[in-house]
Amino acid sequence: MTYFIPSDIKESAIRLDNDINGNPRYYFPRYVWPKMDDKTRRSAGLSMYRGKHRGAGYVMKSYNLLSDIEYALYAILNKN
């Protein structure tokens, strides 16, 4: 079993420009998150990165990054 540590995921985060509403956004490479389907990804608060500059990955809006990463991991690993 692979263990995902929130602090390691936080270190891989890259700050992006704010969204149109001023919310901070972060990019994560796809390999730092466990495999998941679209429904699980959305329930964890992640969206697909659609830009071409950084490659395949996910985007998360967050004011408290570590707490939101912990919530996302809980939602992904405890899905029904």
PDB file of N, CA and C in Angstrom:
ATOM      1  N   MET A   1       0.844  -1.189   0.000  1.00  0.00           N
ATOM      2  CA  MET A   1       0.000   0.000   0.000  1.00  0.00           C
ATOM      3  C   MET A   1       0.882   1.242   0.000  1.00  0.00           C
ATOM      4  N   THR A   2       0.498   2.196  -0.785  1.00  0.00           N
ATOM      5  CA  THR A   2       1.221   3.450  -0.863  1.00  0.00           C
ATOM      6  C   THR A   2       0.612   4.447   0.117  1.00  0.00           C
ATOM      7  N   TYR A   3       1.456   5.143   0.845  1.00  0.00           N
ATOM      8  CA  TYR A   3       0.983   6.147   1.785  1.00  0.00           C
ATOM      9  C   TYR A   3       1.226   7.530   1.199  1.00  0.00           C
ATOM     10  N   PHE A   4       0.234   8.385   1.297  1.00  0.00           N
ATOM     11  CA  PHE A   4       0.327   9.742   0.778  1.00  0.00           C
ATOM     12  C   PHE A   4       0.382  10.687   1.973  1.00  0.00           C
ATOM     13  N   ILE A   5       1.471  11.423   2.096  1.00  0.00           N
ATOM     14  CA  ILE A   5       1.684  12.305   3.232  1.00  0.00           C
ATOM     15  C   ILE A   5       1.335  13.734   2.811  1.00  0.00           C
ATOM     16  N   PRO A   6       0.393  14.385   3.513  1.00  0.00           N
ATOM     17  CA  PRO A   6      -0.037  15.733   3.123  1.00  0.00           C
ATOM     18  C   PRO A   6       1.111  16.735   3.012  1.00  0.00           C
ATOM     19  N   SER A   7       2.086  16.676   3.890  1.00  0.00           N
ATOM     20  CA  SER A   7       3.183  17.643   3.818  1.00  0.00           C
ATOM     21  C   SER A   7       4.033  17.438   2.560  1.00  0.00           C
ATOM     22  N   ASP A   8       4.174  16.183   2.105  1.00  0.00           N
ATOM     23  CA  ASP A   8       4.906  15.922   0.854  1.00  0.00           C
ATOM     24  C   ASP A   8       4.137  16.447  -0.348  1.00  0.00           C
ATOM     25  N   ILE A   9       2.819  16.292  -0.328  1.00  0.00           N
ATOM     26  CA  ILE A   9       1.994  16.812  -1.424  1.00  0.00           C
ATOM     27  C   ILE A   9       2.060  18.336  -1.434  1.00  0.00           C
ATOM     28  N   LYS A  10       2.053  18.940  -0.250  1.00  0.00           N
ATOM     29  CA  LYS A  10       2.126  20.402  -0.161  1.00  0.00           C
ATOM     30  C   LYS A  10       3.432  20.929  -0.749  1.00  0.00           C
ATOM     31  N   GLU A  11       4.531  20.217  -0.534  1.00  0.00           N
ATOM     32  CA  GLU A  11       5.824  20.641  -1.079  1.00  0.00           C
ATOM     33  C   GLU A  11       5.850  20.612  -2.602  1.00  0.00           C
ATOM     34  N   SER A  12       5.031  19.758  -3.211  1.00  0.00           N
ATOM     35  CA  SER A  12       5.015  19.672  -4.670  1.00  0.00           C
ATOM     36  C   SER A  12       4.067  20.696  -5.302  1.00  0.00           C
ATOM     37  N   ALA A  13       3.319  21.435  -4.481  1.00  0.00           N
ATOM     38  CA  ALA A  13       2.360  22.411  -4.997  1.00  0.00           C
ATOM     39  C   ALA A  13       3.072  23.605  -5.632  1.00  0.00           C
ATOM     40  N   ILE A  14       2.509  24.074  -6.723  1.00  0.00           N
ATOM     41  CA  ILE A  14       3.021  25.261  -7.416  1.00  0.00           C
ATOM     42  C   ILE A  14       1.903  26.297  -7.421  1.00  0.00           C
ATOM     43  N   ARG A  15       2.198  27.475  -6.943  1.00  0.00           N
ATOM     44  CA  ARG A  15       1.191  28.543  -6.863  1.00  0.00           C
ATOM     45  C   ARG A  15       0.884  29.061  -8.255  1.00  0.00           C
ATOM     46  N   LEU A  16      -0.404  29.136  -8.589  1.00  0.00           N
ATOM     47  CA  LEU A  16      -0.870  29.700  -9.852  1.00  0.00           C
ATOM     48  C   LEU A  16      -1.472  31.069  -9.590  1.00  0.00           C
ATOM     49  N   ASP A  17      -1.826  31.766 -10.652  1.00  0.00           N
ATOM     50  CA  ASP A  17      -2.535  33.038 -10.506  1.00  0.00           C
ATOM     51  C   ASP A  17      -3.894  32.780  -9.853  1.00  0.00           C
ATOM     52  N   ASN A  18      -4.412  33.794  -9.170  1.00  0.00           N
ATOM     53  CA  ASN A  18      -5.738  33.686  -8.567  1.00  0.00           C
ATOM     54  C   ASN A  18      -6.787  33.490  -9.653  1.00  0.00           C
ATOM     55  N   ASP A  19      -7.917  32.875  -9.275  1.00  0.00           N
ATOM     56  CA  ASP A  19      -9.017  32.750 -10.227  1.00  0.00           C
ATOM     57  C   ASP A  19      -9.731  34.097 -10.355  1.00  0.00           C
ATOM     58  N   ILE A  20     -10.769  34.133 -11.130  1.00  0.00           N
ATOM     59  CA  ILE A  20     -11.456  35.396 -11.425  1.00  0.00           C
ATOM     60  C   ILE A  20     -12.058  36.035 -10.177  1.00  0.00           C
ATOM     61  N   ASN A  21     -12.352  35.214  -9.158  1.00  0.00           N
ATOM     62  CA  ASN A  21     -12.924  35.718  -7.913  1.00  0.00           C
ATOM     63  C   ASN A  21     -11.875  36.053  -6.857  1.00  0.00           C
ATOM     64  N   GLY A  22     -10.614  35.889  -7.195  1.00  0.00           N
ATOM     65  CA  GLY A  22      -9.541  36.220  -6.277  1.00  0.00           C
ATOM     66  C   GLY A  22      -9.100  35.091  -5.358  1.00  0.00           C
ATOM     67  N   ASN A  23      -9.622  33.895  -5.586  1.00  0.00           N
ATOM     68  CA  ASN A  23      -9.242  32.754  -4.750  1.00  0.00           C
ATOM     69  C   ASN A  23      -7.875  32.213  -5.162  1.00  0.00           C
ATOM     70  N   PRO A  24      -7.007  31.895  -4.211  1.00  0.00           N
ATOM     71  CA  PRO A  24      -5.700  31.336  -4.551  1.00  0.00           C
ATOM     72  C   PRO A  24      -5.842  29.923  -5.120  1.00  0.00           C
ATOM     73  N   ARG A  25      -5.016  29.603  -6.113  1.00  0.00           N
ATOM     74  CA  ARG A  25      -5.054  28.290  -6.761  1.00  0.00           C
ATOM     75  C   ARG A  25      -3.663  27.675  -6.739  1.00  0.00           C
ATOM     76  N   TYR A  26      -3.636  26.353  -6.668  1.00  0.00           N
ATOM     77  CA  TYR A  26      -2.375  25.612  -6.632  1.00  0.00           C
ATOM     78  C   TYR A  26      -2.432  24.471  -7.639  1.00  0.00           C
ATOM     79  N   TYR A  27      -1.309  24.236  -8.308  1.00  0.00           N
ATOM     80  CA  TYR A  27      -1.173  23.135  -9.261  1.00  0.00           C
ATOM     81  C   TYR A  27      -0.405  21.997  -8.597  1.00  0.00           C
ATOM     82  N   PHE A  28      -0.863  20.765  -8.837  1.00  0.00           N
ATOM     83  CA  PHE A  28      -0.187  19.567  -8.355  1.00  0.00           C
ATOM     84  C   PHE A  28       0.036  18.623  -9.530  1.00  0.00           C
ATOM     85  N   PRO A  29       1.233  18.075  -9.685  1.00  0.00           N
ATOM     86  CA  PRO A  29       1.428  17.047 -10.711  1.00  0.00           C
ATOM     87  C   PRO A  29       0.530  15.839 -10.421  1.00  0.00           C
ATOM     88  N   ARG A  30       0.151  15.141 -11.448  1.00  0.00           N
ATOM     89  CA  ARG A  30      -0.774  14.017 -11.290  1.00  0.00           C
ATOM     90  C   ARG A  30      -0.197  12.898 -10.430  1.00  0.00           C
ATOM     91  N   TYR A  31       1.105  12.693 -10.475  1.00  0.00           N
ATOM     92  CA  TYR A  31       1.702  11.548  -9.778  1.00  0.00           C
ATOM     93  C   TYR A  31       1.701  11.670  -8.252  1.00  0.00           C
ATOM     94  N   VAL A  32       1.459  12.850  -7.688  1.00  0.00           N
ATOM     95  CA  VAL A  32       1.480  12.976  -6.226  1.00  0.00           C
ATOM     96  C   VAL A  32       0.157  12.564  -5.580  1.00  0.00           C
ATOM     97  N   TRP A  33      -0.901  12.393  -6.379  1.00  0.00           N
ATOM     98  CA  TRP A  33      -2.200  11.978  -5.862  1.00  0.00           C
ATOM     99  C   TRP A  33      -2.449  10.523  -6.218  1.00  0.00           C
ATOM    100  N   PRO A  34      -3.250   9.805  -5.402  1.00  0.00           N
ATOM    101  CA  PRO A  34      -3.608   8.429  -5.762  1.00  0.00           C
ATOM    102  C   PRO A  34      -4.513   8.414  -6.994  1.00  0.00           C
ATOM    103  N   LYS A  35      -4.591   7.268  -7.648  1.00  0.00           N
ATOM    104  CA  LYS A  35      -5.482   7.127  -8.815  1.00  0.00           C
ATOM    105  C   LYS A  35      -6.919   7.352  -8.369  1.00  0.00           C
ATOM    106  N   MET A  36      -7.694   8.057  -9.215  1.00  0.00           N
ATOM    107  CA  MET A  36      -9.089   8.334  -8.865  1.00  0.00           C
ATOM    108  C   MET A  36      -9.901   8.569 -10.122  1.00  0.00           C
ATOM    109  N   ASP A  37     -11.202   8.373 -10.011  1.00  0.00           N
ATOM    110  CA  ASP A  37     -12.088   8.669 -11.132  1.00  0.00           C
ATOM    111  C   ASP A  37     -12.589  10.110 -11.021  1.00  0.00           C
ATOM    112  N   ASP A  38     -13.350  10.554 -12.012  1.00  0.00           N
ATOM    113  CA  ASP A  38     -13.801  11.952 -12.043  1.00  0.00           C
ATOM    114  C   ASP A  38     -14.708  12.315 -10.879  1.00  0.00           C
ATOM    115  N   LYS A  39     -15.597  11.404 -10.503  1.00  0.00           N
ATOM    116  CA  LYS A  39     -16.523  11.690  -9.405  1.00  0.00           C
ATOM    117  C   LYS A  39     -15.755  11.885  -8.092  1.00  0.00           C
ATOM    118  N   THR A  40     -14.781  11.033  -7.859  1.00  0.00           N
ATOM    119  CA  THR A  40     -13.971  11.151  -6.643  1.00  0.00           C
ATOM    120  C   THR A  40     -13.136  12.424  -6.673  1.00  0.00           C
ATOM    121  N   ARG A  41     -12.581  12.745  -7.826  1.00  0.00           N
ATOM    122  CA  ARG A  41     -11.763  13.954  -7.961  1.00  0.00           C
ATOM    123  C   ARG A  41     -12.569  15.198  -7.622  1.00  0.00           C
ATOM    124  N   ARG A  42     -13.777  15.276  -8.140  1.00  0.00           N
ATOM    125  CA  ARG A  42     -14.620  16.447  -7.857  1.00  0.00           C
ATOM    126  C   ARG A  42     -15.015  16.522  -6.393  1.00  0.00           C
ATOM    127  N   SER A  43     -15.310  15.374  -5.778  1.00  0.00           N
ATOM    128  CA  SER A  43     -15.693  15.391  -4.358  1.00  0.00           C
ATOM    129  C   SER A  43     -14.511  15.769  -3.467  1.00  0.00           C
ATOM    130  N   ALA A  44     -13.287  15.573  -3.959  1.00  0.00           N
ATOM    131  CA  ALA A  44     -12.090  15.940  -3.199  1.00  0.00           C
ATOM    132  C   ALA A  44     -11.710  17.408  -3.402  1.00  0.00           C
ATOM    133  N   GLY A  45     -12.411  18.117  -4.279  1.00  0.00           N
ATOM    134  CA  GLY A  45     -12.123  19.533  -4.492  1.00  0.00           C
ATOM    135  C   GLY A  45     -11.017  19.795  -5.499  1.00  0.00           C
ATOM    136  N   LEU A  46     -10.720  18.812  -6.341  1.00  0.00           N
ATOM    137  CA  LEU A  46      -9.677  18.972  -7.354  1.00  0.00           C
ATOM    138  C   LEU A  46     -10.308  19.118  -8.725  1.00  0.00           C
ATOM    139  N   SER A  47      -9.688  19.914  -9.571  1.00  0.00           N
ATOM    140  CA  SER A  47     -10.104  20.003 -10.971  1.00  0.00           C
ATOM    141  C   SER A  47      -8.892  19.719 -11.848  1.00  0.00           C
ATOM    142  N   MET A  48      -9.150  19.346 -13.085  1.00  0.00           N
ATOM    143  CA  MET A  48      -8.066  19.028 -14.011  1.00  0.00           C
ATOM    144  C   MET A  48      -7.342  20.309 -14.421  1.00  0.00           C
ATOM    145  N   TYR A  49      -6.027  20.232 -14.533  1.00  0.00           N
ATOM    146  CA  TYR A  49      -5.253  21.350 -15.056  1.00  0.00           C
ATOM    147  C   TYR A  49      -5.356  21.300 -16.572  1.00  0.00           C
ATOM    148  N   ARG A  50      -5.808  22.377 -17.187  1.00  0.00           N
ATOM    149  CA  ARG A  50      -6.035  22.396 -18.626  1.00  0.00           C
ATOM    150  C   ARG A  50      -4.993  23.183 -19.403  1.00  0.00           C
ATOM    151  N   GLY A  51      -4.037  23.760 -18.696  1.00  0.00           N
ATOM    152  CA  GLY A  51      -2.977  24.487 -19.373  1.00  0.00           C
ATOM    153  C   GLY A  51      -1.968  23.541 -19.991  1.00  0.00           C
ATOM    154  N   LYS A  52      -1.106  24.067 -20.818  1.00  0.00           N
ATOM    155  CA  LYS A  52      -0.111  23.248 -21.480  1.00  0.00           C
ATOM    156  C   LYS A  52       1.293  23.465 -20.917  1.00  0.00           C
ATOM    157  N   HIS A  53       1.445  24.442 -20.057  1.00  0.00           N
ATOM    158  CA  HIS A  53       2.768  24.812 -19.569  1.00  0.00           C
ATOM    159  C   HIS A  53       3.348  23.795 -18.585  1.00  0.00           C
ATOM    160  N   ARG A  54       2.546  23.241 -17.703  1.00  0.00           N
ATOM    161  CA  ARG A  54       3.048  22.398 -16.620  1.00  0.00           C
ATOM    162  C   ARG A  54       2.825  20.909 -16.820  1.00  0.00           C
ATOM    163  N   GLY A  55       1.989  20.505 -17.736  1.00  0.00           N
ATOM    164  CA  GLY A  55       1.728  19.084 -17.951  1.00  0.00           C
ATOM    165  C   GLY A  55       0.499  18.609 -17.200  1.00  0.00           C
ATOM    166  N   ALA A  56       0.288  17.297 -17.209  1.00  0.00           N
ATOM    167  CA  ALA A  56      -0.896  16.703 -16.589  1.00  0.00           C
ATOM    168  C   ALA A  56      -0.868  16.914 -15.081  1.00  0.00           C
ATOM    169  N   GLY A  57      -2.005  17.319 -14.551  1.00  0.00           N
ATOM    170  CA  GLY A  57      -2.067  17.537 -13.111  1.00  0.00           C
ATOM    171  C   GLY A  57      -3.430  18.023 -12.679  1.00  0.00           C
ATOM    172  N   TYR A  58      -3.495  18.448 -11.433  1.00  0.00           N
ATOM    173  CA  TYR A  58      -4.740  18.904 -10.825  1.00  0.00           C
ATOM    174  C   TYR A  58      -4.562  20.303 -10.249  1.00  0.00           C
ATOM    175  N   VAL A  59      -5.689  21.004 -10.117  1.00  0.00           N
ATOM    176  CA  VAL A  59      -5.706  22.345  -9.541  1.00  0.00           C
ATOM    177  C   VAL A  59      -6.648  22.337  -8.344  1.00  0.00           C
ATOM    178  N   MET A  60      -6.226  23.004  -7.283  1.00  0.00           N
ATOM    179  CA  MET A  60      -7.051  23.116  -6.081  1.00  0.00           C
ATOM    180  C   MET A  60      -7.104  24.579  -5.661  1.00  0.00           C
ATOM    181  N   LYS A  61      -8.313  25.043  -5.314  1.00  0.00           N
ATOM    182  CA  LYS A  61      -8.471  26.370  -4.728  1.00  0.00           C
ATOM    183  C   LYS A  61      -8.353  26.213  -3.230  1.00  0.00           C
ATOM    184  N   SER A  62      -7.515  27.045  -2.611  1.00  0.00           N
ATOM    185  CA  SER A  62      -7.314  26.850  -1.180  1.00  0.00           C
ATOM    186  C   SER A  62      -6.767  28.099  -0.503  1.00  0.00           C
ATOM    187  N   TYR A  63      -7.309  28.396   0.678  1.00  0.00           N
ATOM    188  CA  TYR A  63      -6.734  29.407   1.554  1.00  0.00           C
ATOM    189  C   TYR A  63      -5.888  28.756   2.639  1.00  0.00           C
ATOM    190  N   ASN A  64      -6.180  27.496   2.954  1.00  0.00           N
ATOM    191  CA  ASN A  64      -5.421  26.740   3.944  1.00  0.00           C
ATOM    192  C   ASN A  64      -5.015  25.430   3.271  1.00  0.00           C
ATOM    193  N   LEU A  65      -3.875  25.425   2.622  1.00  0.00           N
ATOM    194  CA  LEU A  65      -3.489  24.341   1.724  1.00  0.00           C
ATOM    195  C   LEU A  65      -3.355  22.999   2.431  1.00  0.00           C
ATOM    196  N   LEU A  66      -2.678  22.943   3.547  1.00  0.00           N
ATOM    197  CA  LEU A  66      -2.461  21.666   4.224  1.00  0.00           C
ATOM    198  C   LEU A  66      -3.784  21.042   4.676  1.00  0.00           C
ATOM    199  N   SER A  67      -4.675  21.838   5.210  1.00  0.00           N
ATOM    200  CA  SER A  67      -5.976  21.341   5.638  1.00  0.00           C
ATOM    201  C   SER A  67      -6.790  20.821   4.455  1.00  0.00           C
ATOM    202  N   ASP A  68      -6.760  21.520   3.338  1.00  0.00           N
ATOM    203  CA  ASP A  68      -7.512  21.086   2.156  1.00  0.00           C
ATOM    204  C   ASP A  68      -6.911  19.831   1.532  1.00  0.00           C
ATOM    205  N   ILE A  69      -5.606  19.672   1.598  1.00  0.00           N
ATOM    206  CA  ILE A  69      -4.970  18.451   1.104  1.00  0.00           C
ATOM    207  C   ILE A  69      -5.387  17.265   1.976  1.00  0.00           C
ATOM    208  N   GLU A  70      -5.410  17.460   3.281  1.00  0.00           N
ATOM    209  CA  GLU A  70      -5.852  16.392   4.181  1.00  0.00           C
ATOM    210  C   GLU A  70      -7.299  16.002   3.899  1.00  0.00           C
ATOM    211  N   TYR A  71      -8.165  16.984   3.667  1.00  0.00           N
ATOM    212  CA  TYR A  71      -9.561  16.703   3.341  1.00  0.00           C
ATOM    213  C   TYR A  71      -9.660  15.926   2.028  1.00  0.00           C
ATOM    214  N   ALA A  72      -8.895  16.345   1.021  1.00  0.00           N
ATOM    215  CA  ALA A  72      -8.936  15.673  -0.280  1.00  0.00           C
ATOM    216  C   ALA A  72      -8.453  14.232  -0.166  1.00  0.00           C
ATOM    217  N   LEU A  73      -7.381  13.994   0.568  1.00  0.00           N
ATOM    218  CA  LEU A  73      -6.895  12.625   0.756  1.00  0.00           C
ATOM    219  C   LEU A  73      -7.930  11.764   1.475  1.00  0.00           C
ATOM    220  N   TYR A  74      -8.576  12.329   2.476  1.00  0.00           N
ATOM    221  CA  TYR A  74      -9.618  11.596   3.185  1.00  0.00           C
ATOM    222  C   TYR A  74     -10.748  11.225   2.230  1.00  0.00           C
ATOM    223  N   ALA A  75     -11.167  12.169   1.391  1.00  0.00           N
ATOM    224  CA  ALA A  75     -12.262  11.914   0.442  1.00  0.00           C
ATOM    225  C   ALA A  75     -11.858  10.866  -0.599  1.00  0.00           C
ATOM    226  N   ILE A  76     -10.608  10.887  -1.041  1.00  0.00           N
ATOM    227  CA  ILE A  76     -10.150   9.948  -2.065  1.00  0.00           C
ATOM    228  C   ILE A  76      -9.971   8.544  -1.481  1.00  0.00           C
ATOM    229  N   LEU A  77      -9.315   8.453  -0.345  1.00  0.00           N
ATOM    230  CA  LEU A  77      -8.988   7.143   0.216  1.00  0.00           C
ATOM    231  C   LEU A  77     -10.172   6.468   0.922  1.00  0.00           C
ATOM    232  N   ASN A  78     -11.180   7.229   1.302  1.00  0.00           N
ATOM    233  CA  ASN A  78     -12.344   6.665   1.982  1.00  0.00           C
ATOM    234  C   ASN A  78     -13.600   6.702   1.138  1.00  0.00           C
ATOM    235  N   LYS A  79     -13.444   6.685  -0.176  1.00  0.00           N
ATOM    236  CA  LYS A  79     -14.628   6.699  -1.049  1.00  0.00           C
ATOM    237  C   LYS A  79     -15.376   5.374  -0.929  1.00  0.00           C
ATOM    238  N   ASN A  80     -16.658   5.419  -1.171  1.00  0.00           N
ATOM    239  CA  ASN A  80     -17.473   4.196  -1.079  1.00  0.00           C
ATOM    240  C   ASN A  80     -17.556   3.503  -2.398  1.00  0.00           C
TER     241      ASN A  80
END
